[in-house]
Amino acid sequence: MISLNINDKTYQIDADRDMPLLWAIRDLVGLTGTKFGCGVAQCGACVVHLNGEAVRSCVTKVGRAEGQKVLTIEGLSEHNDHPLQLAWNEISVPQCGYCHSGQLMSAAVLLRENPNPSDEDIDHAMAGNICRCGTYPRIRKAIHMAAELQKQKETTE
């Protein structure tokens, strides 16, 4: 048995330590917001946070996550009101929507580390996340909007 802390909840799963974390999250825990895209860490659809670091769950072994904190798109905010989620909706970023959980999780790390990113900062941080629909300009605009929303939220708290 492997113990995983996902979104601040503990799960006991029966899995091989070499199983990709993605399949443990989706198939064994039942959190299906994290998507399978390519299986070789190239597209970013499967990004989750492991102790605050954006990782590709399709190539991260379950054994590496044991005893660590995993955050998935379902845990990004309790009421889908994270500044990124609000901006994503306001700007109408998703088309097919498949890549967006990974996009949001990567962007969340960016904004935590750089609360006022430039276009270049965003392009660099998001370069490993592929959007098949090509919504990159809207993604960039939404990240800028989220940065502003985050600042407003911090000043009111």
C-alpha atoms as a PDB file:
ATOM      1  CA  MET A   1       0.000   0.000   0.000  1.00  0.00           C
ATOM      2  CA  ILE A   2       1.136   3.488  -0.828  1.00  0.00           C
ATOM      3  CA  SER A   3      -0.074   6.557   1.024  1.00  0.00           C
ATOM      4  CA  LEU A   4      -0.665   9.649  -1.096  1.00  0.00           C
ATOM      5  CA  ASN A   5      -1.629  13.111   0.118  1.00  0.00           C
ATOM      6  CA  ILE A   6      -3.646  14.598  -2.731  1.00  0.00           C
ATOM      7  CA  ASN A   7      -5.379  17.947  -2.259  1.00  0.00           C
ATOM      8  CA  ASP A   8      -4.838  17.652   1.520  1.00  0.00           C
ATOM      9  CA  LYS A   9      -6.623  14.306   1.709  1.00  0.00           C
ATOM     10  CA  THR A  10      -4.848  11.003   2.368  1.00  0.00           C
ATOM     11  CA  TYR A  11      -5.447   8.064   0.047  1.00  0.00           C
ATOM     12  CA  GLN A  12      -4.189   4.515   0.530  1.00  0.00           C
ATOM     13  CA  ILE A  13      -3.693   2.904  -2.841  1.00  0.00           C
ATOM     14  CA  ASP A  14      -2.546  -0.513  -3.934  1.00  0.00           C
ATOM     15  CA  ALA A  15      -0.114   0.296  -6.717  1.00  0.00           C
ATOM     16  CA  ASP A  16       3.336  -0.515  -7.975  1.00  0.00           C
ATOM     17  CA  ARG A  17       5.774   2.243  -6.935  1.00  0.00           C
ATOM     18  CA  ASP A  18       6.775   2.621 -10.608  1.00  0.00           C
ATOM     19  CA  MET A  19       3.223   3.345 -11.759  1.00  0.00           C
ATOM     20  CA  PRO A  20       2.876   6.848 -13.245  1.00  0.00           C
ATOM     21  CA  LEU A  21       1.317   9.230 -10.740  1.00  0.00           C
ATOM     22  CA  LEU A  22      -1.203  10.253 -13.410  1.00  0.00           C
ATOM     23  CA  TRP A  23      -2.824   6.809 -13.420  1.00  0.00           C
ATOM     24  CA  ALA A  24      -2.908   6.652  -9.635  1.00  0.00           C
ATOM     25  CA  ILE A  25      -4.643  10.040  -9.519  1.00  0.00           C
ATOM     26  CA  ARG A  26      -7.121   9.264 -12.296  1.00  0.00           C
ATOM     27  CA  ASP A  27      -7.762   5.534 -12.050  1.00  0.00           C
ATOM     28  CA  LEU A  28      -7.160   4.662  -8.409  1.00  0.00           C
ATOM     29  CA  VAL A  29      -8.214   7.889  -6.667  1.00  0.00           C
ATOM     30  CA  GLY A  30     -10.840   8.959  -9.218  1.00  0.00           C
ATOM     31  CA  LEU A  31      -9.735  12.569  -9.762  1.00  0.00           C
ATOM     32  CA  THR A  32     -10.059  12.914 -13.521  1.00  0.00           C
ATOM     33  CA  GLY A  33      -9.298  16.623 -13.984  1.00  0.00           C
ATOM     34  CA  THR A  34      -5.653  15.843 -14.697  1.00  0.00           C
ATOM     35  CA  LYS A  35      -5.455  14.716 -18.316  1.00  0.00           C
ATOM     36  CA  PHE A  36      -3.353  12.249 -20.281  1.00  0.00           C
ATOM     37  CA  GLY A  37      -1.955  13.891 -23.370  1.00  0.00           C
ATOM     38  CA  CYS A  38       1.231  12.332 -24.675  1.00  0.00           C
ATOM     39  CA  GLY A  39       2.656  10.079 -21.955  1.00  0.00           C
ATOM     40  CA  VAL A  40       6.220  11.343 -22.497  1.00  0.00           C
ATOM     41  CA  ALA A  41       6.192  14.686 -20.614  1.00  0.00           C
ATOM     42  CA  GLN A  42       6.036  16.798 -23.768  1.00  0.00           C
ATOM     43  CA  CYS A  43       2.552  18.350 -23.805  1.00  0.00           C
ATOM     44  CA  GLY A  44       1.850  19.446 -20.222  1.00  0.00           C
ATOM     45  CA  ALA A  45      -1.760  18.216 -20.026  1.00  0.00           C
ATOM     46  CA  CYS A  46      -0.868  16.128 -16.964  1.00  0.00           C
ATOM     47  CA  VAL A  47       0.804  18.837 -14.851  1.00  0.00           C
ATOM     48  CA  VAL A  48       0.187  18.632 -11.101  1.00  0.00           C
ATOM     49  CA  HIS A  49       2.089  20.144  -8.193  1.00  0.00           C
ATOM     50  CA  LEU A  50       4.388  17.989  -6.091  1.00  0.00           C
ATOM     51  CA  ASN A  51       5.351  19.974  -3.001  1.00  0.00           C
ATOM     52  CA  GLY A  52       4.601  23.125  -4.961  1.00  0.00           C
ATOM     53  CA  GLU A  53       6.667  22.187  -8.010  1.00  0.00           C
ATOM     54  CA  ALA A  54       4.961  21.694 -11.379  1.00  0.00           C
ATOM     55  CA  VAL A  55       5.629  18.113 -12.493  1.00  0.00           C
ATOM     56  CA  ARG A  56       4.469  15.952 -15.383  1.00  0.00           C
ATOM     57  CA  SER A  57       2.448  13.253 -13.684  1.00  0.00           C
ATOM     58  CA  CYS A  58       2.631  10.953 -16.717  1.00  0.00           C
ATOM     59  CA  VAL A  59       6.331  10.334 -16.021  1.00  0.00           C
ATOM     60  CA  THR A  60       6.448  10.936 -12.257  1.00  0.00           C
ATOM     61  CA  LYS A  61       6.415   7.640 -10.398  1.00  0.00           C
ATOM     62  CA  VAL A  62       3.922   7.097  -7.590  1.00  0.00           C
ATOM     63  CA  GLY A  63       6.811   6.161  -5.304  1.00  0.00           C
ATOM     64  CA  ARG A  64       8.233   9.683  -5.658  1.00  0.00           C
ATOM     65  CA  ALA A  65       4.919  11.178  -4.487  1.00  0.00           C
ATOM     66  CA  GLU A  66       4.585   8.996  -1.383  1.00  0.00           C
ATOM     67  CA  GLY A  67       4.764  11.178   1.719  1.00  0.00           C
ATOM     68  CA  GLN A  68       4.697  14.340  -0.416  1.00  0.00           C
ATOM     69  CA  LYS A  69       1.927  16.869  -1.077  1.00  0.00           C
ATOM     70  CA  VAL A  70       0.219  16.502  -4.438  1.00  0.00           C
ATOM     71  CA  LEU A  71      -2.099  19.224  -5.727  1.00  0.00           C
ATOM     72  CA  THR A  72      -4.349  18.598  -8.723  1.00  0.00           C
ATOM     73  CA  ILE A  73      -6.672  20.932 -10.604  1.00  0.00           C
ATOM     74  CA  GLU A  74      -9.485  19.797  -8.289  1.00  0.00           C
ATOM     75  CA  GLY A  75      -7.536  21.191  -5.325  1.00  0.00           C
ATOM     76  CA  LEU A  76      -6.478  24.498  -6.890  1.00  0.00           C
ATOM     77  CA  SER A  77      -9.438  26.236  -5.228  1.00  0.00           C
ATOM     78  CA  GLU A  78     -12.422  25.106  -3.237  1.00  0.00           C
ATOM     79  CA  HIS A  79     -15.025  27.002  -5.271  1.00  0.00           C
ATOM     80  CA  ASN A  80     -13.302  27.362  -8.661  1.00  0.00           C
ATOM     81  CA  ASP A  81     -12.442  30.922  -7.679  1.00  0.00           C
ATOM     82  CA  HIS A  82      -8.669  30.919  -8.001  1.00  0.00           C
ATOM     83  CA  PRO A  83      -7.676  34.099  -9.885  1.00  0.00           C
ATOM     84  CA  LEU A  84      -6.511  31.956 -12.800  1.00  0.00           C
ATOM     85  CA  GLN A  85      -9.816  30.107 -12.993  1.00  0.00           C
ATOM     86  CA  LEU A  86     -11.743  33.384 -12.892  1.00  0.00           C
ATOM     87  CA  ALA A  87      -9.556  34.913 -15.600  1.00  0.00           C
ATOM     88  CA  TRP A  88      -9.713  31.749 -17.735  1.00  0.00           C
ATOM     89  CA  ASN A  89     -13.506  32.000 -17.713  1.00  0.00           C
ATOM     90  CA  GLU A  90     -13.609  35.770 -18.226  1.00  0.00           C
ATOM     91  CA  ILE A  91     -11.291  35.619 -21.254  1.00  0.00           C
ATOM     92  CA  SER A  92     -12.973  32.422 -22.592  1.00  0.00           C
ATOM     93  CA  VAL A  93      -9.618  30.698 -22.915  1.00  0.00           C
ATOM     94  CA  PRO A  94     -10.719  27.074 -23.425  1.00  0.00           C
ATOM     95  CA  GLN A  95     -11.852  25.793 -26.763  1.00  0.00           C
ATOM     96  CA  CYS A  96     -11.589  22.023 -26.560  1.00  0.00           C
ATOM     97  CA  GLY A  97     -10.421  22.468 -22.950  1.00  0.00           C
ATOM     98  CA  TYR A  98      -8.265  19.372 -22.876  1.00  0.00           C
ATOM     99  CA  CYS A  99      -4.951  21.050 -22.017  1.00  0.00           C
ATOM    100  CA  HIS A 100      -6.296  23.569 -19.570  1.00  0.00           C
ATOM    101  CA  SER A 101      -5.892  21.755 -16.268  1.00  0.00           C
ATOM    102  CA  GLY A 102      -2.192  21.454 -17.054  1.00  0.00           C
ATOM    103  CA  GLN A 103      -2.066  25.043 -18.305  1.00  0.00           C
ATOM    104  CA  LEU A 104      -3.697  26.309 -15.105  1.00  0.00           C
ATOM    105  CA  MET A 105      -1.412  24.273 -12.866  1.00  0.00           C
ATOM    106  CA  SER A 106       1.697  25.537 -14.662  1.00  0.00           C
ATOM    107  CA  ALA A 107       0.421  29.114 -14.552  1.00  0.00           C
ATOM    108  CA  ALA A 108      -0.296  28.811 -10.810  1.00  0.00           C
ATOM    109  CA  VAL A 109       3.368  28.029 -10.142  1.00  0.00           C
ATOM    110  CA  LEU A 110       4.400  30.931 -12.375  1.00  0.00           C
ATOM    111  CA  LEU A 111       2.208  33.420 -10.488  1.00  0.00           C
ATOM    112  CA  ARG A 112       3.336  32.126  -7.113  1.00  0.00           C
ATOM    113  CA  GLU A 113       6.974  32.601  -8.097  1.00  0.00           C
ATOM    114  CA  ASN A 114       6.464  35.756 -10.178  1.00  0.00           C
ATOM    115  CA  PRO A 115       3.301  37.691  -9.280  1.00  0.00           C
ATOM    116  CA  ASN A 116       3.892  40.274 -12.026  1.00  0.00           C
ATOM    117  CA  PRO A 117       5.118  38.344 -15.083  1.00  0.00           C
ATOM    118  CA  SER A 118       5.975  39.970 -18.401  1.00  0.00           C
ATOM    119  CA  ASP A 119       4.878  38.472 -21.714  1.00  0.00           C
ATOM    120  CA  GLU A 120       8.357  36.971 -22.007  1.00  0.00           C
ATOM    121  CA  ASP A 121       8.110  35.452 -18.499  1.00  0.00           C
ATOM    122  CA  ILE A 122       4.754  33.904 -19.376  1.00  0.00           C
ATOM    123  CA  ASP A 123       5.944  32.581 -22.722  1.00  0.00           C
ATOM    124  CA  HIS A 124       9.010  31.031 -21.086  1.00  0.00           C
ATOM    125  CA  ALA A 125       7.079  29.473 -18.170  1.00  0.00           C
ATOM    126  CA  MET A 126       4.299  28.124 -20.370  1.00  0.00           C
ATOM    127  CA  ALA A 127       6.493  26.931 -23.274  1.00  0.00           C
ATOM    128  CA  GLY A 128       6.164  23.293 -22.227  1.00  0.00           C
ATOM    129  CA  ASN A 129       2.368  23.361 -22.318  1.00  0.00           C
ATOM    130  CA  ILE A 130       0.886  22.627 -25.723  1.00  0.00           C
ATOM    131  CA  CYS A 131      -2.556  23.890 -26.695  1.00  0.00           C
ATOM    132  CA  ARG A 132      -3.819  22.096 -29.776  1.00  0.00           C
ATOM    133  CA  CYS A 133      -6.350  24.870 -30.384  1.00  0.00           C
ATOM    134  CA  GLY A 134      -3.703  27.598 -30.310  1.00  0.00           C
ATOM    135  CA  THR A 135      -5.243  29.782 -27.605  1.00  0.00           C
ATOM    136  CA  TYR A 136      -1.838  31.086 -26.530  1.00  0.00           C
ATOM    137  CA  PRO A 137      -2.734  34.801 -26.832  1.00  0.00           C
ATOM    138  CA  ARG A 138      -5.786  34.272 -24.604  1.00  0.00           C
ATOM    139  CA  ILE A 139      -3.728  32.203 -22.157  1.00  0.00           C
ATOM    140  CA  ARG A 140      -1.206  35.028 -21.868  1.00  0.00           C
ATOM    141  CA  LYS A 141      -3.990  37.611 -21.446  1.00  0.00           C
ATOM    142  CA  ALA A 142      -5.677  35.474 -18.771  1.00  0.00           C
ATOM    143  CA  ILE A 143      -2.425  35.079 -16.830  1.00  0.00           C
ATOM    144  CA  HIS A 144      -1.976  38.870 -16.831  1.00  0.00           C
ATOM    145  CA  MET A 145      -5.583  39.284 -15.671  1.00  0.00           C
ATOM    146  CA  ALA A 146      -5.085  36.663 -12.957  1.00  0.00           C
ATOM    147  CA  ALA A 147      -1.990  38.493 -11.730  1.00  0.00           C
ATOM    148  CA  GLU A 148      -4.107  41.637 -11.324  1.00  0.00           C
ATOM    149  CA  LEU A 149      -6.930  39.719  -9.624  1.00  0.00           C
ATOM    150  CA  GLN A 150      -4.399  38.139  -7.281  1.00  0.00           C
ATOM    151  CA  LYS A 151      -3.026  41.588  -6.339  1.00  0.00           C
ATOM    152  CA  GLN A 152      -6.557  42.884  -5.687  1.00  0.00           C
ATOM    153  CA  LYS A 153      -7.360  39.858  -3.551  1.00  0.00           C
ATOM    154  CA  GLU A 154      -4.189  40.339  -1.499  1.00  0.00           C
ATOM    155  CA  THR A 155      -4.965  44.012  -0.826  1.00  0.00           C
ATOM    156  CA  THR A 156      -8.498  43.227   0.388  1.00  0.00           C
ATOM    157  CA  GLU A 157      -7.489  40.399   2.712  1.00  0.00           C
END
